[in-house]
Amino acid sequence: SQGHAQVEELYAFTQALDGSRDSAEVARIVLTQLRDQLRAETAELIVPGPEGRGWLRTRLSGADELGSTWLAAPPPGSWWIPATTGQAVLLPAEHGQGPAEGDHGEPAPADGIAAPVPMGDAIGVLLVTDSLPDQPTFTDEHAKLFQALANHASVAMSKAMLVDRLREEVTEKEHLAQHDTLTGLPNRTRFNELVEEARAGDRPAALGLMELDRVNEVNEA
């Protein structure tokens, strides 16, 4: 039955996301799964940039071609804009824009589905466009399945973004612990680590010493 098929599709989607480690990997898996399960030519993820500055648009099309571009703002008149405020959008073929030009001068989609994707305090957008020839167009049933998949994607993306932020914080703290905050040069702790690494290596190593005049005056200025 159709309901059983949708359950299987949801299961396959969550299984594909299981074990994903960072937001880039999650985005690729999400877009691949959405495009394949919805039988679409293209899948996209559009997320707000840092501090709400611009939007990062990641598109999967063709033979798994993944590309990203920055948008200063959603292009005026874009059919998927309502999804940025939490409203799902179904664009059936009879209401598509046909071969006319759409965003950035690209051909507008014949049909599409867009769904909001909450990610922390921000709302991103997942969308698929141009259904494949083996189905006439996207329907309400496709839209329901798409929203369910988007909900799972929202959880996975939020977790991946949190992991990314934690990694960045750890990297930043490690850098601060090993470098002088004024010059950005390695401090004594990092220097000792580098010396030990050189001594443990297979290649000969040399150590150069240089004395700088008035260093204390510069540091205290």
C-alpha atoms as a PDB file:
ATOM      1  CA  SER A   1       0.000   0.000   0.000  1.00  0.00           C
ATOM      2  CA  GLN A   2       0.988   3.638  -0.374  1.00  0.00           C
ATOM      3  CA  GLY A   3       1.146   4.118   3.390  1.00  0.00           C
ATOM      4  CA  HIS A   4       3.455   1.134   3.772  1.00  0.00           C
ATOM      5  CA  ALA A   5       5.660   2.447   0.980  1.00  0.00           C
ATOM      6  CA  GLN A   6       5.978   5.828   2.706  1.00  0.00           C
ATOM      7  CA  VAL A   7       6.965   4.153   5.974  1.00  0.00           C
ATOM      8  CA  GLU A   8       9.681   2.245   4.125  1.00  0.00           C
ATOM      9  CA  GLU A   9      10.883   5.477   2.483  1.00  0.00           C
ATOM     10  CA  LEU A  10      11.064   7.221   5.863  1.00  0.00           C
ATOM     11  CA  TYR A  11      12.986   4.276   7.303  1.00  0.00           C
ATOM     12  CA  ALA A  12      15.446   4.306   4.406  1.00  0.00           C
ATOM     13  CA  PHE A  13      15.906   8.048   4.862  1.00  0.00           C
ATOM     14  CA  THR A  14      16.684   7.812   8.584  1.00  0.00           C
ATOM     15  CA  GLN A  15      19.003   4.849   8.005  1.00  0.00           C
ATOM     16  CA  ALA A  16      20.942   6.845   5.413  1.00  0.00           C
ATOM     17  CA  LEU A  17      21.416   9.664   7.937  1.00  0.00           C
ATOM     18  CA  ASP A  18      22.520   7.354  10.737  1.00  0.00           C
ATOM     19  CA  GLY A  19      26.172   7.932  11.582  1.00  0.00           C
ATOM     20  CA  SER A  20      26.621  11.124   9.551  1.00  0.00           C
ATOM     21  CA  ARG A  21      29.382  13.189  11.125  1.00  0.00           C
ATOM     22  CA  ASP A  22      29.225  16.787   9.923  1.00  0.00           C
ATOM     23  CA  SER A  23      26.771  19.218   8.365  1.00  0.00           C
ATOM     24  CA  ALA A  24      28.286  18.996   4.869  1.00  0.00           C
ATOM     25  CA  GLU A  25      27.917  15.206   4.834  1.00  0.00           C
ATOM     26  CA  VAL A  26      24.382  15.426   6.230  1.00  0.00           C
ATOM     27  CA  ALA A  27      23.403  17.981   3.584  1.00  0.00           C
ATOM     28  CA  ARG A  28      24.654  15.748   0.771  1.00  0.00           C
ATOM     29  CA  ILE A  29      22.824  12.699   2.116  1.00  0.00           C
ATOM     30  CA  VAL A  30      19.604  14.652   2.681  1.00  0.00           C
ATOM     31  CA  LEU A  31      19.601  16.112  -0.822  1.00  0.00           C
ATOM     32  CA  THR A  32      20.446  12.781  -2.447  1.00  0.00           C
ATOM     33  CA  GLN A  33      17.703  10.967  -0.571  1.00  0.00           C
ATOM     34  CA  LEU A  34      15.090  13.658  -1.245  1.00  0.00           C
ATOM     35  CA  ARG A  35      15.861  13.782  -4.942  1.00  0.00           C
ATOM     36  CA  ASP A  36      15.748  10.007  -5.304  1.00  0.00           C
ATOM     37  CA  GLN A  37      12.663   9.365  -3.170  1.00  0.00           C
ATOM     38  CA  LEU A  38      10.631  12.229  -4.645  1.00  0.00           C
ATOM     39  CA  ARG A  39      11.752  11.376  -8.187  1.00  0.00           C
ATOM     40  CA  ALA A  40      13.000  14.906  -8.880  1.00  0.00           C
ATOM     41  CA  GLU A  41      15.637  16.403 -11.127  1.00  0.00           C
ATOM     42  CA  THR A  42      16.994  18.746  -8.451  1.00  0.00           C
ATOM     43  CA  ALA A  43      17.076  19.034  -4.656  1.00  0.00           C
ATOM     44  CA  GLU A  44      18.188  22.109  -2.746  1.00  0.00           C
ATOM     45  CA  LEU A  45      18.921  23.227   0.799  1.00  0.00           C
ATOM     46  CA  ILE A  46      18.783  26.957   1.534  1.00  0.00           C
ATOM     47  CA  VAL A  47      19.927  28.048   5.009  1.00  0.00           C
ATOM     48  CA  PRO A  48      20.454  31.462   6.616  1.00  0.00           C
ATOM     49  CA  GLY A  49      24.067  32.560   6.900  1.00  0.00           C
ATOM     50  CA  PRO A  50      25.876  33.377  10.162  1.00  0.00           C
ATOM     51  CA  GLU A  51      24.053  36.028  12.195  1.00  0.00           C
ATOM     52  CA  GLY A  52      21.341  36.107   9.567  1.00  0.00           C
ATOM     53  CA  ARG A  53      23.630  37.526   6.888  1.00  0.00           C
ATOM     54  CA  GLY A  54      22.628  36.157   3.509  1.00  0.00           C
ATOM     55  CA  TRP A  55      21.643  32.628   2.577  1.00  0.00           C
ATOM     56  CA  LEU A  56      23.723  29.608   1.596  1.00  0.00           C
ATOM     57  CA  ARG A  57      22.090  27.703  -1.257  1.00  0.00           C
ATOM     58  CA  THR A  58      23.287  24.133  -1.854  1.00  0.00           C
ATOM     59  CA  ARG A  59      21.966  22.364  -4.945  1.00  0.00           C
ATOM     60  CA  LEU A  60      22.203  18.734  -6.054  1.00  0.00           C
ATOM     61  CA  SER A  61      21.461  18.072  -9.704  1.00  0.00           C
ATOM     62  CA  GLY A  62      22.614  16.053 -12.698  1.00  0.00           C
ATOM     63  CA  ALA A  63      24.998  13.202 -11.983  1.00  0.00           C
ATOM     64  CA  ASP A  64      25.261  13.982  -8.244  1.00  0.00           C
ATOM     65  CA  GLU A  65      26.656  17.438  -8.980  1.00  0.00           C
ATOM     66  CA  LEU A  66      26.708  19.406  -5.718  1.00  0.00           C
ATOM     67  CA  GLY A  67      27.292  23.145  -5.740  1.00  0.00           C
ATOM     68  CA  SER A  68      26.811  26.050  -3.340  1.00  0.00           C
ATOM     69  CA  THR A  69      26.200  29.751  -3.873  1.00  0.00           C
ATOM     70  CA  TRP A  70      25.542  32.715  -1.565  1.00  0.00           C
ATOM     71  CA  LEU A  71      22.377  34.763  -1.827  1.00  0.00           C
ATOM     72  CA  ALA A  72      22.192  38.240  -0.300  1.00  0.00           C
ATOM     73  CA  ALA A  73      18.443  37.638   0.097  1.00  0.00           C
ATOM     74  CA  PRO A  74      15.795  35.313  -1.361  1.00  0.00           C
ATOM     75  CA  PRO A  75      15.198  36.507  -4.942  1.00  0.00           C
ATOM     76  CA  PRO A  76      11.936  38.512  -5.071  1.00  0.00           C
ATOM     77  CA  GLY A  77       9.031  36.481  -6.382  1.00  0.00           C
ATOM     78  CA  SER A  78      10.654  33.094  -5.763  1.00  0.00           C
ATOM     79  CA  TRP A  79       7.921  30.461  -5.375  1.00  0.00           C
ATOM     80  CA  TRP A  80       9.598  28.957  -2.279  1.00  0.00           C
ATOM     81  CA  ILE A  81       9.783  32.171  -0.201  1.00  0.00           C
ATOM     82  CA  PRO A  82       6.758  31.260   2.023  1.00  0.00           C
ATOM     83  CA  ALA A  83       8.789  28.298   3.331  1.00  0.00           C
ATOM     84  CA  THR A  84      11.280  30.739   4.909  1.00  0.00           C
ATOM     85  CA  THR A  85       8.509  31.766   7.318  1.00  0.00           C
ATOM     86  CA  GLY A  86       7.360  28.215   8.089  1.00  0.00           C
ATOM     87  CA  GLN A  87       4.795  27.571   5.334  1.00  0.00           C
ATOM     88  CA  ALA A  88       5.132  24.525   3.060  1.00  0.00           C
ATOM     89  CA  VAL A  89       4.615  25.106  -0.662  1.00  0.00           C
ATOM     90  CA  LEU A  90       3.366  22.755  -3.387  1.00  0.00           C
ATOM     91  CA  LEU A  91       3.863  23.954  -6.958  1.00  0.00           C
ATOM     92  CA  PRO A  92       2.048  21.520  -9.274  1.00  0.00           C
ATOM     93  CA  ALA A  93       2.853  21.374 -12.958  1.00  0.00           C
ATOM     94  CA  GLU A  94      -0.230  23.269 -14.085  1.00  0.00           C
ATOM     95  CA  HIS A  95       0.891  26.216 -11.937  1.00  0.00           C
ATOM     96  CA  GLY A  96       4.581  26.011 -12.794  1.00  0.00           C
ATOM     97  CA  GLN A  97       6.321  28.799 -14.623  1.00  0.00           C
ATOM     98  CA  GLY A  98       7.187  26.631 -17.587  1.00  0.00           C
ATOM     99  CA  PRO A  99      10.310  27.479 -19.582  1.00  0.00           C
ATOM    100  CA  ALA A 100      10.472  31.101 -18.434  1.00  0.00           C
ATOM    101  CA  GLU A 101      13.531  32.285 -16.544  1.00  0.00           C
ATOM    102  CA  GLY A 102      13.584  31.982 -12.760  1.00  0.00           C
ATOM    103  CA  ASP A 103      16.137  32.821 -10.073  1.00  0.00           C
ATOM    104  CA  HIS A 104      19.492  34.011 -11.435  1.00  0.00           C
ATOM    105  CA  GLY A 105      18.315  33.639 -15.031  1.00  0.00           C
ATOM    106  CA  GLU A 106      17.931  29.873 -14.728  1.00  0.00           C
ATOM    107  CA  PRO A 107      14.925  28.021 -16.179  1.00  0.00           C
ATOM    108  CA  ALA A 108      12.070  28.144 -13.681  1.00  0.00           C
ATOM    109  CA  PRO A 109      10.842  24.756 -12.406  1.00  0.00           C
ATOM    110  CA  ALA A 110       7.934  22.975 -14.033  1.00  0.00           C
ATOM    111  CA  ASP A 111       6.829  21.905 -10.548  1.00  0.00           C
ATOM    112  CA  GLY A 112       8.238  21.703  -7.052  1.00  0.00           C
ATOM    113  CA  ILE A 113       7.803  21.243  -3.311  1.00  0.00           C
ATOM    114  CA  ALA A 114       9.333  23.415  -0.588  1.00  0.00           C
ATOM    115  CA  ALA A 115       9.279  22.774   3.156  1.00  0.00           C
ATOM    116  CA  PRO A 116      10.587  24.758   6.124  1.00  0.00           C
ATOM    117  CA  VAL A 117      13.467  23.211   8.048  1.00  0.00           C
ATOM    118  CA  PRO A 118      13.870  24.587  11.594  1.00  0.00           C
ATOM    119  CA  MET A 119      17.536  24.604  12.633  1.00  0.00           C
ATOM    120  CA  GLY A 120      17.942  26.096  16.074  1.00  0.00           C
ATOM    121  CA  ASP A 121      16.774  29.707  16.009  1.00  0.00           C
ATOM    122  CA  ALA A 122      16.744  29.843  12.194  1.00  0.00           C
ATOM    123  CA  ILE A 123      14.521  28.381   9.498  1.00  0.00           C
ATOM    124  CA  GLY A 124      16.025  26.899   6.361  1.00  0.00           C
ATOM    125  CA  VAL A 125      14.261  25.579   3.271  1.00  0.00           C
ATOM    126  CA  LEU A 126      14.391  22.198   1.574  1.00  0.00           C
ATOM    127  CA  LEU A 127      13.001  21.960  -1.917  1.00  0.00           C
ATOM    128  CA  VAL A 128      12.784  19.624  -4.888  1.00  0.00           C
ATOM    129  CA  THR A 129      11.971  20.701  -8.420  1.00  0.00           C
ATOM    130  CA  ASP A 130      11.093  19.210 -11.808  1.00  0.00           C
ATOM    131  CA  SER A 131       9.540  15.790 -11.280  1.00  0.00           C
ATOM    132  CA  LEU A 132      10.927  13.038 -13.497  1.00  0.00           C
ATOM    133  CA  PRO A 133       8.966  11.866 -16.549  1.00  0.00           C
ATOM    134  CA  ASP A 134       7.720   8.721 -14.785  1.00  0.00           C
ATOM    135  CA  GLN A 135       5.293  10.819 -12.698  1.00  0.00           C
ATOM    136  CA  PRO A 136       3.033  13.606 -14.076  1.00  0.00           C
ATOM    137  CA  THR A 137       3.742  16.048 -11.246  1.00  0.00           C
ATOM    138  CA  PHE A 138       4.132  16.370  -7.492  1.00  0.00           C
ATOM    139  CA  THR A 139       0.907  15.775  -5.559  1.00  0.00           C
ATOM    140  CA  ASP A 140      -0.424  16.357  -2.046  1.00  0.00           C
ATOM    141  CA  GLU A 141       0.806  12.878  -1.103  1.00  0.00           C
ATOM    142  CA  HIS A 142       4.293  13.777  -2.286  1.00  0.00           C
ATOM    143  CA  ALA A 143       4.093  16.988  -0.253  1.00  0.00           C
ATOM    144  CA  LYS A 144       3.146  15.059   2.914  1.00  0.00           C
ATOM    145  CA  LEU A 145       6.031  12.642   2.439  1.00  0.00           C
ATOM    146  CA  PHE A 146       8.382  15.530   1.705  1.00  0.00           C
ATOM    147  CA  GLN A 147       7.382  17.331   4.904  1.00  0.00           C
ATOM    148  CA  ALA A 148       7.938  14.168   6.941  1.00  0.00           C
ATOM    149  CA  LEU A 149      11.388  13.742   5.405  1.00  0.00           C
ATOM    150  CA  ALA A 150      12.142  17.427   6.017  1.00  0.00           C
ATOM    151  CA  ASN A 151      11.255  16.995   9.696  1.00  0.00           C
ATOM    152  CA  HIS A 152      13.798  14.190  10.020  1.00  0.00           C
ATOM    153  CA  ALA A 153      16.331  16.255   8.082  1.00  0.00           C
ATOM    154  CA  SER A 154      15.767  19.157  10.482  1.00  0.00           C
ATOM    155  CA  VAL A 155      16.769  17.043  13.480  1.00  0.00           C
ATOM    156  CA  ALA A 156      19.828  15.618  11.688  1.00  0.00           C
ATOM    157  CA  MET A 157      20.970  19.037  10.447  1.00  0.00           C
ATOM    158  CA  SER A 158      20.532  20.644  13.882  1.00  0.00           C
ATOM    159  CA  LYS A 159      22.626  17.917  15.519  1.00  0.00           C
ATOM    160  CA  ALA A 160      25.319  18.150  12.825  1.00  0.00           C
ATOM    161  CA  MET A 161      25.519  21.950  13.140  1.00  0.00           C
ATOM    162  CA  LEU A 162      25.859  21.620  16.918  1.00  0.00           C
ATOM    163  CA  VAL A 163      28.717  19.148  16.462  1.00  0.00           C
ATOM    164  CA  ASP A 164      30.366  21.542  13.990  1.00  0.00           C
ATOM    165  CA  ARG A 165      30.162  24.406  16.495  1.00  0.00           C
ATOM    166  CA  LEU A 166      31.610  22.242  19.283  1.00  0.00           C
ATOM    167  CA  ARG A 167      34.505  21.217  17.039  1.00  0.00           C
ATOM    168  CA  GLU A 168      35.179  24.853  16.168  1.00  0.00           C
ATOM    169  CA  GLU A 169      35.184  25.800  19.857  1.00  0.00           C
ATOM    170  CA  VAL A 170      37.598  22.989  20.697  1.00  0.00           C
ATOM    171  CA  THR A 171      39.903  23.981  17.833  1.00  0.00           C
ATOM    172  CA  GLU A 172      39.806  27.628  18.890  1.00  0.00           C
ATOM    173  CA  LYS A 173      40.582  26.784  22.518  1.00  0.00           C
ATOM    174  CA  GLU A 174      43.473  24.542  21.468  1.00  0.00           C
ATOM    175  CA  HIS A 175      44.858  27.342  19.310  1.00  0.00           C
ATOM    176  CA  LEU A 176      44.587  29.886  22.151  1.00  0.00           C
ATOM    177  CA  ALA A 177      46.293  27.478  24.543  1.00  0.00           C
ATOM    178  CA  GLN A 178      49.252  27.025  22.179  1.00  0.00           C
ATOM    179  CA  HIS A 179      49.697  30.511  20.686  1.00  0.00           C
ATOM    180  CA  ASP A 180      50.503  34.005  21.917  1.00  0.00           C
ATOM    181  CA  THR A 181      47.363  36.148  21.807  1.00  0.00           C
ATOM    182  CA  LEU A 182      49.289  39.276  20.756  1.00  0.00           C
ATOM    183  CA  THR A 183      51.431  37.940  17.900  1.00  0.00           C
ATOM    184  CA  GLY A 184      49.640  34.706  17.030  1.00  0.00           C
ATOM    185  CA  LEU A 185      52.979  32.888  17.204  1.00  0.00           C
ATOM    186  CA  PRO A 186      53.393  29.532  18.972  1.00  0.00           C
ATOM    187  CA  ASN A 187      53.930  29.972  22.712  1.00  0.00           C
ATOM    188  CA  ARG A 188      56.315  28.053  24.970  1.00  0.00           C
ATOM    189  CA  THR A 189      53.890  25.128  25.312  1.00  0.00           C
ATOM    190  CA  ARG A 190      53.610  24.724  21.550  1.00  0.00           C
ATOM    191  CA  PHE A 191      57.345  25.292  21.144  1.00  0.00           C
ATOM    192  CA  ASN A 192      58.110  22.400  23.498  1.00  0.00           C
ATOM    193  CA  GLU A 193      55.643  20.187  21.589  1.00  0.00           C
ATOM    194  CA  LEU A 194      57.318  21.061  18.280  1.00  0.00           C
ATOM    195  CA  VAL A 195      60.754  20.284  19.706  1.00  0.00           C
ATOM    196  CA  GLU A 196      59.588  16.908  20.980  1.00  0.00           C
ATOM    197  CA  GLU A 197      57.974  16.121  17.635  1.00  0.00           C
ATOM    198  CA  ALA A 198      61.222  17.000  15.838  1.00  0.00           C
ATOM    199  CA  ARG A 199      63.285  14.854  18.201  1.00  0.00           C
ATOM    200  CA  ALA A 200      60.959  11.899  17.703  1.00  0.00           C
ATOM    201  CA  GLY A 201      61.094  12.171  13.925  1.00  0.00           C
ATOM    202  CA  ASP A 202      63.335  10.236  11.543  1.00  0.00           C
ATOM    203  CA  ARG A 203      64.943  13.323   9.982  1.00  0.00           C
ATOM    204  CA  PRO A 204      67.758  15.436  11.473  1.00  0.00           C
ATOM    205  CA  ALA A 205      66.496  18.633  13.102  1.00  0.00           C
ATOM    206  CA  ALA A 206      68.164  21.885  14.041  1.00  0.00           C
ATOM    207  CA  LEU A 207      67.162  24.590  16.503  1.00  0.00           C
ATOM    208  CA  GLY A 208      67.865  28.256  15.808  1.00  0.00           C
ATOM    209  CA  LEU A 209      67.958  30.896  18.550  1.00  0.00           C
ATOM    210  CA  MET A 210      67.402  34.618  18.025  1.00  0.00           C
ATOM    211  CA  GLU A 211      67.469  37.394  20.594  1.00  0.00           C
ATOM    212  CA  LEU A 212      65.204  40.399  20.177  1.00  0.00           C
ATOM    213  CA  ASP A 213      65.894  43.725  21.852  1.00  0.00           C
ATOM    214  CA  ARG A 214      63.199  45.531  23.842  1.00  0.00           C
ATOM    215  CA  VAL A 215      60.720  42.625  23.656  1.00  0.00           C
ATOM    216  CA  ASN A 216      59.296  43.405  27.089  1.00  0.00           C
ATOM    217  CA  GLU A 217      58.693  47.003  26.104  1.00  0.00           C
ATOM    218  CA  VAL A 218      56.752  45.903  23.031  1.00  0.00           C
ATOM    219  CA  ASN A 219      54.681  43.395  24.989  1.00  0.00           C
ATOM    220  CA  GLU A 220      53.801  45.916  27.649  1.00  0.00           C
ATOM    221  CA  ALA A 221      52.982  48.746  25.211  1.00  0.00           C
END
